[in-house]
C-alpha atoms as a PDB file:
ATOM      1  CA  UNK A   1     -10.609   3.853  -0.346  1.00  0.00           C
ATOM      2  CA  UNK A   2     -10.316   7.626  -0.320  1.00  0.00           C
ATOM      3  CA  UNK A   3      -8.070   7.236   2.775  1.00  0.00           C
ATOM      4  CA  UNK A   4      -5.814   4.773   1.008  1.00  0.00           C
ATOM      5  CA  UNK A   5      -5.544   7.040  -2.053  1.00  0.00           C
ATOM      6  CA  UNK A   6      -4.904  10.018   0.167  1.00  0.00           C
ATOM      7  CA  UNK A   7      -1.780   8.392   1.522  1.00  0.00           C
ATOM      8  CA  UNK A   8      -0.199   8.588  -1.926  1.00  0.00           C
ATOM      9  CA  UNK A   9      -1.298  12.217  -2.376  1.00  0.00           C
ATOM     10  CA  UNK A  10      -0.119  13.383   1.057  1.00  0.00           C
ATOM     11  CA  UNK A  11       3.185  11.609   0.749  1.00  0.00           C
ATOM     12  CA  UNK A  12       3.921  13.029  -2.705  1.00  0.00           C
ATOM     13  CA  UNK A  13       2.718  16.480  -1.661  1.00  0.00           C
ATOM     14  CA  UNK A  14       5.280  16.435   1.194  1.00  0.00           C
ATOM     15  CA  UNK A  15       8.158  14.665  -0.531  1.00  0.00           C
ATOM     16  CA  UNK A  16       7.865  16.017  -4.094  1.00  0.00           C
ATOM     17  CA  UNK A  17       8.718  19.601  -3.146  1.00  0.00           C
ATOM     18  CA  UNK A  18      11.087  18.433  -0.375  1.00  0.00           C
ATOM     19  CA  UNK A  19       8.990  19.796   2.510  1.00  0.00           C
ATOM     20  CA  UNK A  20      10.259  16.880   4.540  1.00  0.00           C
ATOM     21  CA  UNK A  21      12.589  13.994   3.969  1.00  0.00           C
ATOM     22  CA  UNK A  22      11.434  10.395   3.510  1.00  0.00           C
ATOM     23  CA  UNK A  23      12.879   9.138   6.807  1.00  0.00           C
ATOM     24  CA  UNK A  24      11.207  11.849   8.911  1.00  0.00           C
ATOM     25  CA  UNK A  25       7.922  11.397   6.956  1.00  0.00           C
ATOM     26  CA  UNK A  26       7.988   7.666   7.683  1.00  0.00           C
ATOM     27  CA  UNK A  27       8.730   8.139  11.369  1.00  0.00           C
ATOM     28  CA  UNK A  28       5.979  10.757  11.818  1.00  0.00           C
ATOM     29  CA  UNK A  29       3.428   8.703   9.861  1.00  0.00           C
ATOM     30  CA  UNK A  30       3.994   5.578  11.858  1.00  0.00           C
ATOM     31  CA  UNK A  31       3.888   7.373  15.170  1.00  0.00           C
ATOM     32  CA  UNK A  32       0.697   9.266  14.326  1.00  0.00           C
ATOM     33  CA  UNK A  33      -0.947   6.148  13.050  1.00  0.00           C
ATOM     34  CA  UNK A  34       0.045   4.193  16.165  1.00  0.00           C
ATOM     35  CA  UNK A  35      -1.372   6.898  18.427  1.00  0.00           C
ATOM     36  CA  UNK A  36      -4.773   7.099  16.624  1.00  0.00           C
ATOM     37  CA  UNK A  37      -5.129   3.327  16.357  1.00  0.00           C
ATOM     38  CA  UNK A  38      -4.198   2.813  20.022  1.00  0.00           C
ATOM     39  CA  UNK A  39      -6.814   5.404  21.031  1.00  0.00           C
ATOM     40  CA  UNK A  40      -9.456   3.774  18.917  1.00  0.00           C
ATOM     41  CA  UNK A  41      -8.724   0.330  20.441  1.00  0.00           C
ATOM     42  CA  UNK A  42      -8.879   1.878  23.959  1.00  0.00           C
ATOM     43  CA  UNK A  43     -12.164   3.706  23.275  1.00  0.00           C
ATOM     44  CA  UNK A  44     -13.750   0.649  21.672  1.00  0.00           C
ATOM     45  CA  UNK A  45     -12.955  -2.039  24.240  1.00  0.00           C
ATOM     46  CA  UNK A  46     -10.983  -0.264  26.983  1.00  0.00           C
ATOM     47  CA  UNK A  47      -7.924  -2.444  26.182  1.00  0.00           C
ATOM     48  CA  UNK A  48      -4.510  -1.845  24.655  1.00  0.00           C
ATOM     49  CA  UNK A  49      -3.274  -2.886  21.196  1.00  0.00           C
ATOM     50  CA  UNK A  50      -2.426  -6.609  21.023  1.00  0.00           C
ATOM     51  CA  UNK A  51      -2.076  -9.533  18.673  1.00  0.00           C
ATOM     52  CA  UNK A  52       0.725  -8.076  16.587  1.00  0.00           C
ATOM     53  CA  UNK A  53       4.284  -9.310  16.088  1.00  0.00           C
ATOM     54  CA  UNK A  54       7.759  -7.916  15.492  1.00  0.00           C
ATOM     55  CA  UNK A  55       7.907  -9.681  12.103  1.00  0.00           C
ATOM     56  CA  UNK A  56       4.676  -8.037  10.990  1.00  0.00           C
ATOM     57  CA  UNK A  57       5.826  -4.684  12.399  1.00  0.00           C
ATOM     58  CA  UNK A  58       9.037  -5.033  10.323  1.00  0.00           C
ATOM     59  CA  UNK A  59       6.995  -5.656   7.170  1.00  0.00           C
ATOM     60  CA  UNK A  60       4.870  -2.612   7.966  1.00  0.00           C
ATOM     61  CA  UNK A  61       8.003  -0.453   8.479  1.00  0.00           C
ATOM     62  CA  UNK A  62       9.565  -1.790   5.278  1.00  0.00           C
ATOM     63  CA  UNK A  63       6.376  -0.806   3.333  1.00  0.00           C
ATOM     64  CA  UNK A  64       6.240   2.652   4.893  1.00  0.00           C
ATOM     65  CA  UNK A  65       9.928   3.356   4.363  1.00  0.00           C
ATOM     66  CA  UNK A  66      10.067   2.213   0.735  1.00  0.00           C
ATOM     67  CA  UNK A  67       6.767   3.983   0.042  1.00  0.00           C
ATOM     68  CA  UNK A  68       8.317   7.319   1.263  1.00  0.00           C
ATOM     69  CA  UNK A  69      11.592   6.826  -0.574  1.00  0.00           C
ATOM     70  CA  UNK A  70       9.729   6.046  -3.816  1.00  0.00           C
ATOM     71  CA  UNK A  71       7.606   9.188  -3.673  1.00  0.00           C
ATOM     72  CA  UNK A  72      10.675  11.361  -3.736  1.00  0.00           C
ATOM     73  CA  UNK A  73      11.140  10.139  -7.304  1.00  0.00           C
ATOM     74  CA  UNK A  74       7.788   9.214  -8.888  1.00  0.00           C
ATOM     75  CA  UNK A  75       4.279  10.844  -9.243  1.00  0.00           C
ATOM     76  CA  UNK A  76       1.457   9.863  -7.002  1.00  0.00           C
ATOM     77  CA  UNK A  77      -0.729   8.265  -9.673  1.00  0.00           C
ATOM     78  CA  UNK A  78       2.107   6.122 -11.080  1.00  0.00           C
ATOM     79  CA  UNK A  79       3.120   5.135  -7.562  1.00  0.00           C
ATOM     80  CA  UNK A  80      -0.407   3.999  -6.582  1.00  0.00           C
ATOM     81  CA  UNK A  81      -0.630   1.769  -9.676  1.00  0.00           C
ATOM     82  CA  UNK A  82       2.715   0.199  -9.054  1.00  0.00           C
ATOM     83  CA  UNK A  83       1.940  -0.362  -5.369  1.00  0.00           C
ATOM     84  CA  UNK A  84      -1.416  -1.921  -6.134  1.00  0.00           C
ATOM     85  CA  UNK A  85       0.099  -4.234  -8.716  1.00  0.00           C
ATOM     86  CA  UNK A  86       2.908  -5.363  -6.327  1.00  0.00           C
ATOM     87  CA  UNK A  87       0.495  -6.034  -3.460  1.00  0.00           C
ATOM     88  CA  UNK A  88      -1.839  -8.195  -5.563  1.00  0.00           C
ATOM     89  CA  UNK A  89       0.988  -9.956  -7.330  1.00  0.00           C
ATOM     90  CA  UNK A  90       2.771 -10.881  -4.095  1.00  0.00           C
ATOM     91  CA  UNK A  91      -0.388 -12.276  -2.539  1.00  0.00           C
ATOM     92  CA  UNK A  92      -1.187 -14.198  -5.726  1.00  0.00           C
ATOM     93  CA  UNK A  93       2.369 -15.569  -5.846  1.00  0.00           C
ATOM     94  CA  UNK A  94       1.964 -16.782  -2.198  1.00  0.00           C
ATOM     95  CA  UNK A  95      -1.278 -18.540  -3.107  1.00  0.00           C
ATOM     96  CA  UNK A  96       0.423 -20.337  -5.965  1.00  0.00           C
ATOM     97  CA  UNK A  97       3.333 -21.288  -3.734  1.00  0.00           C
ATOM     98  CA  UNK A  98       0.854 -22.807  -1.238  1.00  0.00           C
ATOM     99  CA  UNK A  99      -0.490 -25.108  -3.981  1.00  0.00           C
ATOM    100  CA  UNK A 100      -3.337 -23.124  -5.474  1.00  0.00           C
ATOM    101  CA  UNK A 101      -3.539 -22.979  -9.247  1.00  0.00           C
ATOM    102  CA  UNK A 102      -5.126 -20.079 -11.226  1.00  0.00           C
ATOM    103  CA  UNK A 103      -7.673 -20.771 -13.873  1.00  0.00           C
ATOM    104  CA  UNK A 104      -7.070 -19.888 -17.517  1.00  0.00           C
ATOM    105  CA  UNK A 105      -8.909 -16.625 -16.985  1.00  0.00           C
ATOM    106  CA  UNK A 106      -6.651 -15.725 -14.189  1.00  0.00           C
ATOM    107  CA  UNK A 107      -3.466 -16.582 -16.122  1.00  0.00           C
ATOM    108  CA  UNK A 108      -4.760 -14.194 -18.816  1.00  0.00           C
ATOM    109  CA  UNK A 109      -5.214 -11.534 -16.179  1.00  0.00           C
ATOM    110  CA  UNK A 110      -1.663 -12.045 -14.808  1.00  0.00           C
ATOM    111  CA  UNK A 111      -0.232 -11.787 -18.430  1.00  0.00           C
ATOM    112  CA  UNK A 112      -2.199  -8.593 -19.159  1.00  0.00           C
ATOM    113  CA  UNK A 113      -1.091  -6.915 -15.852  1.00  0.00           C
ATOM    114  CA  UNK A 114       2.540  -7.874 -16.555  1.00  0.00           C
ATOM    115  CA  UNK A 115       2.421  -6.472 -20.100  1.00  0.00           C
ATOM    116  CA  UNK A 116       1.021  -3.225 -18.672  1.00  0.00           C
ATOM    117  CA  UNK A 117       3.755  -3.125 -16.049  1.00  0.00           C
ATOM    118  CA  UNK A 118       6.553  -3.610 -18.643  1.00  0.00           C
ATOM    119  CA  UNK A 119       5.018  -1.037 -20.925  1.00  0.00           C
ATOM    120  CA  UNK A 120       4.852   1.435 -18.005  1.00  0.00           C
ATOM    121  CA  UNK A 121       8.384   0.940 -16.901  1.00  0.00           C
ATOM    122  CA  UNK A 122      10.159   0.391 -20.254  1.00  0.00           C
ATOM    123  CA  UNK A 123      12.871   3.009 -20.927  1.00  0.00           C
ATOM    124  CA  UNK A 124      11.607   6.179 -22.566  1.00  0.00           C
ATOM    125  CA  UNK A 125      10.923   9.832 -22.020  1.00  0.00           C
ATOM    126  CA  UNK A 126       7.601   9.140 -20.311  1.00  0.00           C
ATOM    127  CA  UNK A 127       8.633   6.154 -18.120  1.00  0.00           C
ATOM    128  CA  UNK A 128       8.741   6.630 -14.321  1.00  0.00           C
ATOM    129  CA  UNK A 129      12.088   6.886 -12.558  1.00  0.00           C
ATOM    130  CA  UNK A 130      13.528   3.339 -12.355  1.00  0.00           C
ATOM    131  CA  UNK A 131      14.757   3.495  -8.761  1.00  0.00           C
ATOM    132  CA  UNK A 132      11.429   5.006  -7.642  1.00  0.00           C
ATOM    133  CA  UNK A 133       9.522   2.311  -9.488  1.00  0.00           C
ATOM    134  CA  UNK A 134      11.613  -0.482  -7.866  1.00  0.00           C
ATOM    135  CA  UNK A 135      11.187   1.098  -4.427  1.00  0.00           C
ATOM    136  CA  UNK A 136       7.395   1.261  -4.868  1.00  0.00           C
ATOM    137  CA  UNK A 137       7.247  -2.395  -6.019  1.00  0.00           C
ATOM    138  CA  UNK A 138       9.241  -3.285  -2.862  1.00  0.00           C
ATOM    139  CA  UNK A 139       6.760  -1.321  -0.806  1.00  0.00           C
ATOM    140  CA  UNK A 140       3.926  -3.305  -2.387  1.00  0.00           C
ATOM    141  CA  UNK A 141       5.663  -6.639  -1.717  1.00  0.00           C
ATOM    142  CA  UNK A 142       6.200  -5.656   1.905  1.00  0.00           C
ATOM    143  CA  UNK A 143       2.537  -4.673   2.269  1.00  0.00           C
ATOM    144  CA  UNK A 144       1.499  -7.943   0.665  1.00  0.00           C
ATOM    145  CA  UNK A 145       3.606  -9.817   3.194  1.00  0.00           C
ATOM    146  CA  UNK A 146       2.068  -7.771   5.998  1.00  0.00           C
ATOM    147  CA  UNK A 147      -1.429  -8.467   4.720  1.00  0.00           C
ATOM    148  CA  UNK A 148      -0.787 -12.246   4.450  1.00  0.00           C
ATOM    149  CA  UNK A 149       0.597 -12.358   7.976  1.00  0.00           C
ATOM    150  CA  UNK A 150      -2.455 -10.678   9.361  1.00  0.00           C
ATOM    151  CA  UNK A 151      -5.187 -12.583   7.558  1.00  0.00           C
ATOM    152  CA  UNK A 152      -5.881 -14.913  10.478  1.00  0.00           C
ATOM    153  CA  UNK A 153      -6.016 -12.263  13.187  1.00  0.00           C
ATOM    154  CA  UNK A 154      -9.127 -12.387  15.343  1.00  0.00           C
ATOM    155  CA  UNK A 155      -9.202  -8.623  15.972  1.00  0.00           C
ATOM    156  CA  UNK A 156      -7.669  -6.905  12.891  1.00  0.00           C
ATOM    157  CA  UNK A 157      -7.873  -3.342  14.362  1.00  0.00           C
ATOM    158  CA  UNK A 158      -6.129  -4.302  17.617  1.00  0.00           C
ATOM    159  CA  UNK A 159      -3.501  -6.257  15.720  1.00  0.00           C
ATOM    160  CA  UNK A 160      -2.882  -3.448  13.332  1.00  0.00           C
ATOM    161  CA  UNK A 161      -2.639  -0.991  16.230  1.00  0.00           C
ATOM    162  CA  UNK A 162      -0.091  -3.274  17.952  1.00  0.00           C
ATOM    163  CA  UNK A 163       1.947  -3.550  14.716  1.00  0.00           C
ATOM    164  CA  UNK A 164       1.983   0.196  14.361  1.00  0.00           C
ATOM    165  CA  UNK A 165       3.120   0.662  17.915  1.00  0.00           C
ATOM    166  CA  UNK A 166       5.908  -1.838  17.430  1.00  0.00           C
ATOM    167  CA  UNK A 167       6.994  -0.048  14.226  1.00  0.00           C
ATOM    168  CA  UNK A 168       7.507   3.279  15.928  1.00  0.00           C
ATOM    169  CA  UNK A 169      11.049   2.509  17.252  1.00  0.00           C
ATOM    170  CA  UNK A 170      12.045   1.317  13.792  1.00  0.00           C
ATOM    171  CA  UNK A 171      10.769   4.610  12.291  1.00  0.00           C
ATOM    172  CA  UNK A 172      12.600   6.592  14.989  1.00  0.00           C
ATOM    173  CA  UNK A 173      15.946   4.816  14.098  1.00  0.00           C
ATOM    174  CA  UNK A 174      15.260   5.435  10.425  1.00  0.00           C
ATOM    175  CA  UNK A 175      14.692   9.106  11.098  1.00  0.00           C
ATOM    176  CA  UNK A 176      18.312   9.364  12.264  1.00  0.00           C
ATOM    177  CA  UNK A 177      19.550   8.460   8.852  1.00  0.00           C
ATOM    178  CA  UNK A 178      21.405  11.333   7.183  1.00  0.00           C
ATOM    179  CA  UNK A 179      19.227  11.449   4.091  1.00  0.00           C
ATOM    180  CA  UNK A 180      16.591  14.085   4.969  1.00  0.00           C
ATOM    181  CA  UNK A 181      17.205  17.538   3.429  1.00  0.00           C
ATOM    182  CA  UNK A 182      14.669  19.396   5.498  1.00  0.00           C
ATOM    183  CA  UNK A 183      11.820  19.176   8.019  1.00  0.00           C
ATOM    184  CA  UNK A 184       9.356  22.030   7.585  1.00  0.00           C
ATOM    185  CA  UNK A 185       6.134  22.501   9.580  1.00  0.00           C
ATOM    186  CA  UNK A 186       4.105  21.917   6.367  1.00  0.00           C
ATOM    187  CA  UNK A 187       5.927  18.616   5.716  1.00  0.00           C
ATOM    188  CA  UNK A 188       5.451  17.458   9.312  1.00  0.00           C
ATOM    189  CA  UNK A 189       1.712  18.320   9.144  1.00  0.00           C
ATOM    190  CA  UNK A 190       1.279  16.272   5.968  1.00  0.00           C
ATOM    191  CA  UNK A 191       3.125  13.331   7.495  1.00  0.00           C
ATOM    192  CA  UNK A 192       1.027  13.430  10.676  1.00  0.00           C
ATOM    193  CA  UNK A 193      -2.191  13.723   8.608  1.00  0.00           C
ATOM    194  CA  UNK A 194      -1.131  10.722   6.534  1.00  0.00           C
ATOM    195  CA  UNK A 195      -0.543   8.643   9.668  1.00  0.00           C
ATOM    196  CA  UNK A 196      -3.470   9.832  11.835  1.00  0.00           C
ATOM    197  CA  UNK A 197      -6.232  10.293   9.209  1.00  0.00           C
ATOM    198  CA  UNK A 198      -5.405   8.394   5.992  1.00  0.00           C
ATOM    199  CA  UNK A 199      -3.693   5.438   7.770  1.00  0.00           C
ATOM    200  CA  UNK A 200      -5.203   5.308  11.315  1.00  0.00           C
ATOM    201  CA  UNK A 201      -8.799   6.294  10.627  1.00  0.00           C
ATOM    202  CA  UNK A 202      -8.648   4.847   7.124  1.00  0.00           C
ATOM    203  CA  UNK A 203      -7.694   1.398   8.363  1.00  0.00           C
ATOM    204  CA  UNK A 204     -10.213   1.544  11.143  1.00  0.00           C
ATOM    205  CA  UNK A 205     -13.063   2.303   8.637  1.00  0.00           C
ATOM    206  CA  UNK A 206     -11.804  -0.368   6.278  1.00  0.00           C
ATOM    207  CA  UNK A 207     -11.879  -3.122   8.960  1.00  0.00           C
ATOM    208  CA  UNK A 208     -15.365  -1.967  10.045  1.00  0.00           C
ATOM    209  CA  UNK A 209     -16.712  -2.160   6.476  1.00  0.00           C
ATOM    210  CA  UNK A 210     -14.872  -5.373   5.419  1.00  0.00           C
ATOM    211  CA  UNK A 211     -17.272  -7.889   7.073  1.00  0.00           C
ATOM    212  CA  UNK A 212     -20.237  -6.431   5.218  1.00  0.00           C
ATOM    213  CA  UNK A 213     -18.385  -6.215   1.888  1.00  0.00           C
ATOM    214  CA  UNK A 214     -17.127  -9.778   1.571  1.00  0.00           C
ATOM    215  CA  UNK A 215     -13.885 -10.700  -0.171  1.00  0.00           C
ATOM    216  CA  UNK A 216     -15.141 -10.313  -3.780  1.00  0.00           C
ATOM    217  CA  UNK A 217     -16.639  -6.843  -3.289  1.00  0.00           C
ATOM    218  CA  UNK A 218     -13.608  -5.842  -1.206  1.00  0.00           C
ATOM    219  CA  UNK A 219     -11.376  -6.793  -4.187  1.00  0.00           C
ATOM    220  CA  UNK A 220     -13.617  -4.779  -6.510  1.00  0.00           C
ATOM    221  CA  UNK A 221     -13.561  -1.604  -4.471  1.00  0.00           C
ATOM    222  CA  UNK A 222      -9.802  -1.830  -4.034  1.00  0.00           C
ATOM    223  CA  UNK A 223      -9.470  -1.392  -7.796  1.00  0.00           C
ATOM    224  CA  UNK A 224     -10.652   2.171  -7.302  1.00  0.00           C
ATOM    225  CA  UNK A 225      -7.604   3.209  -5.248  1.00  0.00           C
ATOM    226  CA  UNK A 226      -5.126   3.793  -8.132  1.00  0.00           C
ATOM    227  CA  UNK A 227      -7.919   5.595 -10.056  1.00  0.00           C
ATOM    228  CA  UNK A 228      -8.695   7.850  -7.123  1.00  0.00           C
ATOM    229  CA  UNK A 229      -4.966   8.531  -6.540  1.00  0.00           C
ATOM    230  CA  UNK A 230      -4.426   9.426 -10.200  1.00  0.00           C
ATOM    231  CA  UNK A 231      -7.471  11.655 -10.274  1.00  0.00           C
ATOM    232  CA  UNK A 232      -6.415  13.377  -7.054  1.00  0.00           C
ATOM    233  CA  UNK A 233      -2.873  13.821  -8.281  1.00  0.00           C
ATOM    234  CA  UNK A 234      -4.194  15.538 -11.441  1.00  0.00           C
ATOM    235  CA  UNK A 235      -6.598  17.746  -9.474  1.00  0.00           C
ATOM    236  CA  UNK A 236      -4.549  18.700  -6.451  1.00  0.00           C
ATOM    237  CA  UNK A 237      -0.865  18.106  -7.389  1.00  0.00           C
ATOM    238  CA  UNK A 238      -1.219  19.163 -11.013  1.00  0.00           C
ATOM    239  CA  UNK A 239       0.416  15.921 -12.209  1.00  0.00           C
ATOM    240  CA  UNK A 240      -0.121  15.027 -15.844  1.00  0.00           C
ATOM    241  CA  UNK A 241      -0.375  11.386 -16.793  1.00  0.00           C
ATOM    242  CA  UNK A 242       1.128  10.631 -20.175  1.00  0.00           C
ATOM    243  CA  UNK A 243      -1.062   8.551 -22.545  1.00  0.00           C
ATOM    244  CA  UNK A 244       1.433   5.682 -22.233  1.00  0.00           C
ATOM    245  CA  UNK A 245       1.036   5.626 -18.454  1.00  0.00           C
ATOM    246  CA  UNK A 246      -2.762   5.768 -18.732  1.00  0.00           C
ATOM    247  CA  UNK A 247      -2.907   2.874 -21.210  1.00  0.00           C
ATOM    248  CA  UNK A 248      -0.416   0.814 -19.227  1.00  0.00           C
ATOM    249  CA  UNK A 249      -2.269   1.597 -15.998  1.00  0.00           C
ATOM    250  CA  UNK A 250      -5.546   0.488 -17.520  1.00  0.00           C
ATOM    251  CA  UNK A 251      -3.968  -2.779 -18.598  1.00  0.00           C
ATOM    252  CA  UNK A 252      -2.694  -3.347 -15.053  1.00  0.00           C
ATOM    253  CA  UNK A 253      -6.098  -2.656 -13.516  1.00  0.00           C
ATOM    254  CA  UNK A 254      -7.856  -4.990 -15.966  1.00  0.00           C
ATOM    255  CA  UNK A 255      -5.313  -7.712 -15.510  1.00  0.00           C
ATOM    256  CA  UNK A 256      -5.443  -7.504 -11.748  1.00  0.00           C
ATOM    257  CA  UNK A 257      -9.263  -7.586 -11.854  1.00  0.00           C
ATOM    258  CA  UNK A 258      -9.274 -10.757 -13.975  1.00  0.00           C
ATOM    259  CA  UNK A 259      -6.653 -12.392 -11.734  1.00  0.00           C
ATOM    260  CA  UNK A 260      -8.104 -11.546  -8.261  1.00  0.00           C
ATOM    261  CA  UNK A 261     -11.863 -10.975  -8.390  1.00  0.00           C
ATOM    262  CA  UNK A 262     -12.685 -14.679  -8.254  1.00  0.00           C
ATOM    263  CA  UNK A 263     -10.385 -16.209  -5.620  1.00  0.00           C
ATOM    264  CA  UNK A 264     -12.814 -19.108  -5.157  1.00  0.00           C
ATOM    265  CA  UNK A 265     -12.051 -20.193  -8.715  1.00  0.00           C
ATOM    266  CA  UNK A 266      -8.603 -21.303  -7.588  1.00  0.00           C
ATOM    267  CA  UNK A 267      -8.241 -25.015  -7.798  1.00  0.00           C
ATOM    268  CA  UNK A 268      -6.287 -26.512  -4.972  1.00  0.00           C
ATOM    269  CA  UNK A 269      -3.917 -29.154  -6.043  1.00  0.00           C
ATOM    270  CA  UNK A 270      -4.724 -32.698  -4.794  1.00  0.00           C
ATOM    271  CA  UNK A 271      -2.823 -33.850  -1.761  1.00  0.00           C
ATOM    272  CA  UNK A 272      -1.901 -30.365  -0.502  1.00  0.00           C
ATOM    273  CA  UNK A 273      -4.965 -29.975   1.792  1.00  0.00           C
ATOM    274  CA  UNK A 274      -4.160 -30.956   5.342  1.00  0.00           C
END
């Protein structure tokens, strides 16, 4: 979870002061993540990355690109909250579309999270940048799609490594876009660290721990990511969270917890099981 939260901090630390542009950051992050994950797969089994797809790689690239573009405009803590909400909401929406129906408790959670989201993004002096918020929500939806596509993979680490490798050419093309104001050595270092450590090693540790955690505990610990990101942003980036953002963020976390911590409580509609 520290690795996931660190992605937000590293990205904002690089993009907030314009040490690197969002396109170059995305390209370097994906390339560094692909290299580390490919090396881990090779060291573990002596094989190369496999099991990915171009569609999943495109979703991964869309997440990384929108994530970087958003952090040019919004603080790390707010971004992590919006990302987390969008990921969980997109996966919940997919479950509903497949015929699953939330319980009353889960509908309450959805409503509370949505109220928190609208309070956070409502116009006002303390609201986050609208374009940045939309981009971060788009990043969360893309990550939700990526996660849903990869749920059935037999070897998550090898599949993730393959998808990262496939996303590298997309990142390279994106890096050619004329939107980057600068590329400093400090910005490049932060981007590589985000890809190699927070993404590559972070995902490897997560997949190693996931079987022992189980789905419910995994959902619980993921609730810590926005909190860790907000605390890190305050400590290391000197970001101040307005009371309105704190209250709205708390509502989002409570709502997401109510809606997602008991996936087994979903009732499948009759006739949809095949």
